[in-house]
Amino acid sequence: MTGKYNEGIPKGSRLAREDMAWIRERVTPDIITRVKLLMPIALELGLTPGQMALAWLLRRKEVSSVITGATRVEQLDENLLASDAVDKLTDPVLEKIEQAVKNSPI
């Protein structure tokens, strides 16, 4: 969701590791296209795409917490701000998100 893999898998990134082949194969051109469509929605809300994704999860009543893949303190700090962004996901914003992902999970 961060856009880190929009131009391919960078050398030295988590997905470049040999043991990550199972997830690397899921980074398809279709998924990259959907992520690119979500980025302007997040920026319009003043959020990073990752924050918007976490807020999208946290808004659901059946979700009490999320597990993030932060590997640096800066990423953790950014992720924590998502809990304050849930109210930004109004019905019109959620509709834009659904249109971007074609109503299917990514």
N, C-alpha and C. Protein backbone atom coordinates (compact mmCIF):
# COMPACT_ATOMS: atom_id res chain seq x y z
N MET A 1 0.80 -1.21 0.00
CA MET A 1 0.00 0.00 0.00
C MET A 1 0.84 1.27 0.00
N THR A 2 2.07 1.19 0.31
CA THR A 2 2.89 2.40 0.40
C THR A 2 3.36 2.89 -0.96
N GLY A 3 3.27 2.05 -1.98
CA GLY A 3 3.78 2.41 -3.29
C GLY A 3 5.23 2.01 -3.47
N LYS A 4 5.81 1.40 -2.46
CA LYS A 4 7.22 1.01 -2.50
C LYS A 4 7.55 0.12 -3.68
N TYR A 5 6.59 -0.68 -4.12
CA TYR A 5 6.85 -1.65 -5.19
C TYR A 5 6.22 -1.24 -6.52
N ASN A 6 5.79 0.01 -6.63
CA ASN A 6 5.14 0.47 -7.87
C ASN A 6 6.04 0.38 -9.09
N GLU A 7 7.32 0.51 -8.91
CA GLU A 7 8.26 0.47 -10.03
C GLU A 7 9.10 -0.80 -10.01
N GLY A 8 8.62 -1.81 -9.32
CA GLY A 8 9.36 -3.06 -9.21
C GLY A 8 9.82 -3.30 -7.79
N ILE A 9 10.47 -4.40 -7.57
CA ILE A 9 10.92 -4.77 -6.23
C ILE A 9 12.37 -4.32 -6.05
N PRO A 10 12.59 -3.31 -5.19
CA PRO A 10 13.94 -2.79 -4.99
C PRO A 10 14.88 -3.82 -4.37
N LYS A 11 16.11 -3.81 -4.82
CA LYS A 11 17.13 -4.68 -4.25
C LYS A 11 17.30 -4.31 -2.77
N GLY A 12 17.38 -5.31 -1.94
CA GLY A 12 17.55 -5.09 -0.51
C GLY A 12 16.25 -4.91 0.25
N SER A 13 15.12 -4.84 -0.46
CA SER A 13 13.83 -4.70 0.24
C SER A 13 13.39 -6.05 0.79
N ARG A 14 12.40 -6.01 1.64
CA ARG A 14 11.89 -7.24 2.25
C ARG A 14 11.44 -8.23 1.19
N LEU A 15 10.76 -7.76 0.15
CA LEU A 15 10.27 -8.67 -0.89
C LEU A 15 11.38 -9.23 -1.76
N ALA A 16 12.53 -8.63 -1.73
CA ALA A 16 13.66 -9.15 -2.53
C ALA A 16 14.29 -10.37 -1.88
N ARG A 17 13.99 -10.60 -0.62
CA ARG A 17 14.56 -11.76 0.07
C ARG A 17 14.04 -13.06 -0.52
N GLU A 18 14.88 -14.06 -0.53
CA GLU A 18 14.53 -15.36 -1.10
C GLU A 18 13.31 -15.99 -0.43
N ASP A 19 13.19 -15.83 0.89
CA ASP A 19 12.09 -16.45 1.62
C ASP A 19 10.75 -15.73 1.43
N MET A 20 10.73 -14.67 0.65
CA MET A 20 9.50 -13.91 0.44
C MET A 20 8.87 -14.18 -0.93
N ALA A 21 9.32 -15.21 -1.62
CA ALA A 21 8.80 -15.52 -2.95
C ALA A 21 7.29 -15.73 -2.92
N TRP A 22 6.77 -16.30 -1.85
CA TRP A 22 5.34 -16.59 -1.75
C TRP A 22 4.49 -15.31 -1.82
N ILE A 23 5.00 -14.22 -1.33
CA ILE A 23 4.24 -12.96 -1.41
C ILE A 23 4.64 -12.15 -2.63
N ARG A 24 5.87 -12.28 -3.04
CA ARG A 24 6.36 -11.54 -4.21
C ARG A 24 5.51 -11.85 -5.44
N GLU A 25 5.08 -13.09 -5.58
CA GLU A 25 4.27 -13.48 -6.74
C GLU A 25 2.88 -12.84 -6.72
N ARG A 26 2.50 -12.29 -5.60
CA ARG A 26 1.20 -11.61 -5.49
C ARG A 26 1.28 -10.13 -5.87
N VAL A 27 2.48 -9.63 -6.08
CA VAL A 27 2.65 -8.23 -6.49
C VAL A 27 2.55 -8.20 -8.02
N THR A 28 1.31 -8.21 -8.48
CA THR A 28 1.03 -8.29 -9.91
C THR A 28 0.80 -6.90 -10.50
N PRO A 29 0.86 -6.76 -11.82
CA PRO A 29 0.56 -5.46 -12.43
C PRO A 29 -0.83 -4.94 -12.05
N ASP A 30 -1.81 -5.83 -11.92
CA ASP A 30 -3.16 -5.41 -11.53
C ASP A 30 -3.16 -4.82 -10.12
N ILE A 31 -2.46 -5.45 -9.22
CA ILE A 31 -2.38 -4.95 -7.84
C ILE A 31 -1.67 -3.60 -7.80
N ILE A 32 -0.59 -3.47 -8.55
CA ILE A 32 0.15 -2.20 -8.61
C ILE A 32 -0.76 -1.09 -9.15
N THR A 33 -1.54 -1.40 -10.16
CA THR A 33 -2.48 -0.41 -10.72
C THR A 33 -3.47 0.05 -9.66
N ARG A 34 -4.01 -0.90 -8.90
CA ARG A 34 -4.98 -0.54 -7.85
C ARG A 34 -4.33 0.33 -6.78
N VAL A 35 -3.12 -0.02 -6.39
CA VAL A 35 -2.41 0.78 -5.37
C VAL A 35 -2.22 2.21 -5.90
N LYS A 36 -1.84 2.33 -7.15
CA LYS A 36 -1.64 3.67 -7.74
C LYS A 36 -2.94 4.47 -7.74
N LEU A 37 -4.08 3.80 -7.91
CA LEU A 37 -5.37 4.49 -7.88
C LEU A 37 -5.74 4.93 -6.46
N LEU A 38 -5.27 4.22 -5.48
CA LEU A 38 -5.57 4.56 -4.09
C LEU A 38 -4.72 5.72 -3.57
N MET A 39 -3.55 5.89 -4.13
CA MET A 39 -2.62 6.91 -3.62
C MET A 39 -3.21 8.33 -3.63
N PRO A 40 -3.84 8.78 -4.73
CA PRO A 40 -4.40 10.14 -4.69
C PRO A 40 -5.54 10.30 -3.69
N ILE A 41 -6.27 9.24 -3.44
CA ILE A 41 -7.35 9.31 -2.45
C ILE A 41 -6.74 9.56 -1.07
N ALA A 42 -5.70 8.83 -0.74
CA ALA A 42 -5.04 9.02 0.55
C ALA A 42 -4.47 10.43 0.67
N LEU A 43 -3.79 10.87 -0.36
CA LEU A 43 -3.17 12.21 -0.33
C LEU A 43 -4.22 13.30 -0.18
N GLU A 44 -5.37 13.11 -0.81
CA GLU A 44 -6.48 14.07 -0.69
C GLU A 44 -6.95 14.17 0.75
N LEU A 45 -6.83 13.09 1.50
CA LEU A 45 -7.23 13.07 2.91
C LEU A 45 -6.11 13.52 3.84
N GLY A 46 -4.93 13.78 3.28
CA GLY A 46 -3.78 14.15 4.10
C GLY A 46 -3.15 12.95 4.79
N LEU A 47 -3.32 11.77 4.19
CA LEU A 47 -2.80 10.53 4.75
C LEU A 47 -1.81 9.89 3.80
N THR A 48 -0.99 9.03 4.34
CA THR A 48 -0.19 8.17 3.47
C THR A 48 -1.11 7.02 3.05
N PRO A 49 -0.80 6.34 1.96
CA PRO A 49 -1.62 5.18 1.58
C PRO A 49 -1.67 4.12 2.69
N GLY A 50 -0.56 3.92 3.38
CA GLY A 50 -0.55 2.95 4.48
C GLY A 50 -1.47 3.35 5.61
N GLN A 51 -1.48 4.64 5.95
CA GLN A 51 -2.39 5.12 7.00
C GLN A 51 -3.84 4.92 6.58
N MET A 52 -4.14 5.20 5.32
CA MET A 52 -5.51 5.02 4.85
C MET A 52 -5.91 3.55 4.92
N ALA A 53 -5.00 2.66 4.56
CA ALA A 53 -5.31 1.23 4.61
C ALA A 53 -5.57 0.78 6.05
N LEU A 54 -4.74 1.24 6.97
CA LEU A 54 -4.93 0.88 8.37
C LEU A 54 -6.23 1.48 8.92
N ALA A 55 -6.53 2.73 8.56
CA ALA A 55 -7.78 3.35 9.00
C ALA A 55 -8.98 2.59 8.43
N TRP A 56 -8.85 2.12 7.18
CA TRP A 56 -9.93 1.35 6.56
C TRP A 56 -10.22 0.09 7.38
N LEU A 57 -9.16 -0.56 7.84
CA LEU A 57 -9.34 -1.75 8.67
C LEU A 57 -9.91 -1.39 10.05
N LEU A 58 -9.37 -0.35 10.66
CA LEU A 58 -9.76 0.01 12.02
C LEU A 58 -11.20 0.52 12.11
N ARG A 59 -11.76 0.99 11.01
CA ARG A 59 -13.12 1.51 11.04
C ARG A 59 -14.15 0.40 11.21
N ARG A 60 -13.76 -0.82 10.95
CA ARG A 60 -14.67 -1.96 11.01
C ARG A 60 -14.87 -2.40 12.46
N LYS A 61 -16.11 -2.54 12.86
CA LYS A 61 -16.42 -2.88 14.25
C LYS A 61 -15.85 -4.23 14.69
N GLU A 62 -15.74 -5.16 13.74
CA GLU A 62 -15.23 -6.48 14.10
C GLU A 62 -13.71 -6.54 14.21
N VAL A 63 -13.04 -5.43 13.89
CA VAL A 63 -11.57 -5.37 13.98
C VAL A 63 -11.20 -4.58 15.23
N SER A 64 -10.50 -5.25 16.14
CA SER A 64 -10.11 -4.56 17.38
C SER A 64 -8.68 -4.04 17.32
N SER A 65 -7.87 -4.62 16.44
CA SER A 65 -6.50 -4.15 16.28
C SER A 65 -5.97 -4.66 14.94
N VAL A 66 -4.86 -4.07 14.52
CA VAL A 66 -4.22 -4.51 13.27
C VAL A 66 -2.76 -4.81 13.56
N ILE A 67 -2.21 -5.70 12.77
CA ILE A 67 -0.80 -6.04 12.89
C ILE A 67 -0.10 -5.40 11.70
N THR A 68 0.86 -4.55 11.97
CA THR A 68 1.56 -3.88 10.89
C THR A 68 2.94 -4.49 10.68
N GLY A 69 3.51 -4.20 9.53
CA GLY A 69 4.83 -4.72 9.21
C GLY A 69 5.92 -3.68 9.35
N ALA A 70 5.81 -2.82 10.32
CA ALA A 70 6.81 -1.76 10.51
C ALA A 70 8.16 -2.37 10.87
N THR A 71 9.18 -1.90 10.19
CA THR A 71 10.54 -2.36 10.51
C THR A 71 11.41 -1.24 11.06
N ARG A 72 10.87 -0.02 11.05
CA ARG A 72 11.60 1.13 11.60
C ARG A 72 10.65 1.93 12.49
N VAL A 73 11.21 2.63 13.46
CA VAL A 73 10.41 3.44 14.38
C VAL A 73 9.57 4.46 13.62
N GLU A 74 10.14 5.04 12.56
CA GLU A 74 9.41 6.03 11.77
C GLU A 74 8.15 5.42 11.16
N GLN A 75 8.25 4.18 10.71
CA GLN A 75 7.08 3.50 10.15
C GLN A 75 6.02 3.27 11.23
N LEU A 76 6.46 2.88 12.40
CA LEU A 76 5.53 2.67 13.51
C LEU A 76 4.82 3.97 13.86
N ASP A 77 5.58 5.06 13.97
CA ASP A 77 4.98 6.36 14.27
C ASP A 77 3.93 6.74 13.23
N GLU A 78 4.27 6.51 11.96
CA GLU A 78 3.32 6.82 10.88
C GLU A 78 2.07 5.95 11.00
N ASN A 79 2.27 4.67 11.27
CA ASN A 79 1.13 3.76 11.38
C ASN A 79 0.20 4.13 12.53
N LEU A 80 0.77 4.57 13.63
CA LEU A 80 -0.05 4.91 14.79
C LEU A 80 -1.01 6.06 14.51
N LEU A 81 -0.66 6.94 13.58
CA LEU A 81 -1.54 8.06 13.23
C LEU A 81 -2.82 7.60 12.52
N ALA A 82 -2.83 6.39 12.03
CA ALA A 82 -4.01 5.88 11.32
C ALA A 82 -5.24 5.82 12.22
N SER A 83 -5.04 5.59 13.50
CA SER A 83 -6.20 5.51 14.40
C SER A 83 -6.94 6.84 14.49
N ASP A 84 -6.23 7.94 14.23
CA ASP A 84 -6.88 9.25 14.24
C ASP A 84 -7.55 9.57 12.91
N ALA A 85 -7.36 8.75 11.91
CA ALA A 85 -7.85 9.03 10.56
C ALA A 85 -9.15 8.31 10.22
N VAL A 86 -9.62 7.48 11.10
CA VAL A 86 -10.82 6.68 10.80
C VAL A 86 -12.00 7.57 10.41
N ASP A 87 -12.16 8.69 11.08
CA ASP A 87 -13.29 9.59 10.79
C ASP A 87 -13.21 10.23 9.41
N LYS A 88 -12.04 10.23 8.80
CA LYS A 88 -11.89 10.80 7.46
C LYS A 88 -12.48 9.89 6.39
N LEU A 89 -12.74 8.64 6.73
CA LEU A 89 -13.25 7.69 5.75
C LEU A 89 -14.78 7.75 5.71
N THR A 90 -15.26 8.83 5.13
CA THR A 90 -16.69 9.04 4.99
C THR A 90 -17.24 8.11 3.91
N ASP A 91 -18.55 8.04 3.79
CA ASP A 91 -19.16 7.18 2.77
C ASP A 91 -18.67 7.53 1.36
N PRO A 92 -18.59 8.82 0.98
CA PRO A 92 -18.07 9.12 -0.36
C PRO A 92 -16.62 8.66 -0.56
N VAL A 93 -15.80 8.78 0.47
CA VAL A 93 -14.41 8.34 0.37
C VAL A 93 -14.36 6.82 0.24
N LEU A 94 -15.16 6.14 1.04
CA LEU A 94 -15.19 4.67 0.96
C LEU A 94 -15.64 4.21 -0.42
N GLU A 95 -16.56 4.92 -1.03
CA GLU A 95 -17.00 4.58 -2.39
C GLU A 95 -15.86 4.74 -3.38
N LYS A 96 -15.07 5.80 -3.25
CA LYS A 96 -13.90 5.98 -4.12
C LYS A 96 -12.91 4.83 -3.96
N ILE A 97 -12.71 4.43 -2.73
CA ILE A 97 -11.79 3.32 -2.45
C ILE A 97 -12.31 2.04 -3.11
N GLU A 98 -13.59 1.76 -2.93
CA GLU A 98 -14.18 0.56 -3.52
C GLU A 98 -14.06 0.58 -5.04
N GLN A 99 -14.28 1.73 -5.64
CA GLN A 99 -14.14 1.83 -7.10
C GLN A 99 -12.70 1.58 -7.54
N ALA A 100 -11.76 2.07 -6.76
CA ALA A 100 -10.35 1.91 -7.11
C ALA A 100 -9.91 0.45 -7.05
N VAL A 101 -10.40 -0.27 -6.05
CA VAL A 101 -9.98 -1.67 -5.91
C VAL A 101 -10.95 -2.64 -6.58
N LYS A 102 -11.93 -2.08 -7.27
CA LYS A 102 -12.92 -2.90 -7.96
C LYS A 102 -13.62 -3.84 -6.99
N ASN A 103 -13.82 -3.35 -5.77
CA ASN A 103 -14.52 -4.08 -4.73
C ASN A 103 -13.96 -5.48 -4.50
N SER A 104 -12.64 -5.59 -4.56
CA SER A 104 -12.01 -6.86 -4.25
C SER A 104 -10.77 -6.60 -3.42
N PRO A 105 -10.47 -7.50 -2.50
CA PRO A 105 -9.33 -7.27 -1.60
C PRO A 105 -8.01 -7.27 -2.33
N ILE A 106 -7.10 -6.44 -1.83
CA ILE A 106 -5.75 -6.43 -2.40
C ILE A 106 -4.75 -6.75 -1.33
